[in-house]
Amino acid sequence: MENENNGHNRFQEKLEHRAQKTPQLKVLVVDDDPSILELLKTALTTIDSYNVTVANSAESAIDALEAATTPFDCLLLDIQMPDTDGIVLLRGIRALPDYSETPIIMLTAMSERSYVDDAFMAGATDYVCKPFDLLDLRGRMNSARRLVKERLKTEKSLRSVKILKQELENNQQFNFEDPLTIDDADRCLRFVEFDNYVGQLSRGRLFNSYAVAIKLQDASILYDITSCGCFRRVVHDTAHCIQSATSEIDCIFSYRGEGVFLVVVHEEMPSAEFPSEEKLNNYVSVMLRERHAAAWVHVLVGEPISMRSLSRSGASTALTRAVTSVGEREEELREKNSVLSGAEVAEEVTATGSTEPRKRMYERVLMELFGEESYLSMK
């Protein structure tokens, strides 16, 4: 009996020691409903031993942020609150240096798409409608924290020395498949936030939309023969071309890696207002002209794919079909050799049926722009 008690005590000590080593997560919950605040404080404290602070207004939330000795690890915000609503509060919090990447989950009764759009464009990490499931909410919070942890790990070098940020961005290595972040385009969501956005629309059955994929033609060749910094700038500038060309359209888009952007357009399909491939390339030509890149950057537009009344899995399938469509468009152009520039290059392609002349055209333009020595240092 004594051995059993000793064993139990040792097990209990290990649990307590482990609990002491695991830091408590600091969570701020903002809602004007006292019952919601009490429920979440009790549940989160019991389920995961979170250190929960509550605020019943945007003003008291700002006070809590300012009073905190260390930043909160996660925030849960309601939208409809007196005086200042949750969307305005979210924008204000995202402007604070300590909270530019902190997981912020909207926990609200507002399920209309306009609120979903506004929340994600203001910087929400995820969106949960009331009534909510506590285990689902816990899973969303944990997923958001893991996401931010990985982001901070990869961006640590960029944050540590602000004065070297541009140089580090130019030299930072990444894979062709990586979904780069476009921070300064209002309607361009990051990879996971875009998935969460589509998921929320699916859960609320708010789709009366279609998806279109836009792709940098021969993006893999461009990635191979330029530096990561150069490829990043082309992706960044192309995102701003898409933003400008679709400024009058109700849509959200995201860069998905491999030179591909996905656009979700909230209109009846097909929409005559969505910019044509020619119009988009006009924007590219004008915007990239300052970087002398317009001659060798070309975008392709896939077929519109309906997302109306789809489940989450169905929405994912529609997005995949949109990406497949623009890929087929690129293959079609390669076969027809119809997008190459210059008579000499066109003759080479006609004779060989190869895409290699396209690569040589890239290389020739780059050497003209940067000189042989500078160009070779980019490879």
Foldseek 3Di string as FASTA:
>chain_A
DVVVVVVVVVVVVVVVVVVVVDDAAEEEEEALDVVVLVVCVVVCCVPPVHNYDYHNDLVVVVVVQVPDPAGGQEYEAEADHPPHGRLNSLLVQCPDPRRVLRAYEYEYQDLALVVLQSNVLSPHLAYHHPPGDPVVVVVSNVVSSVVSVVVCVLCVVLPPDVVCNLVCLQQPDDDQQDFDDQPPQRQEGEDNSVLRSLQSCQVSLVAQKWKKKKFWQPLVLVPVQFASNVSVVLLNLLSVLQSVLCVVFPWHKYRRGNRMIMIIGRDHPPDPSRDAQVSSLVSLLVSCVVVVCSVLIGMFMFDIFGPHRHHSVSNVVRRVVNVVRRVVVSVVCLQVVPPDDDPVLSVVCVVPSDCVSSSVVVLVSQCVNQNPVRSVVGD
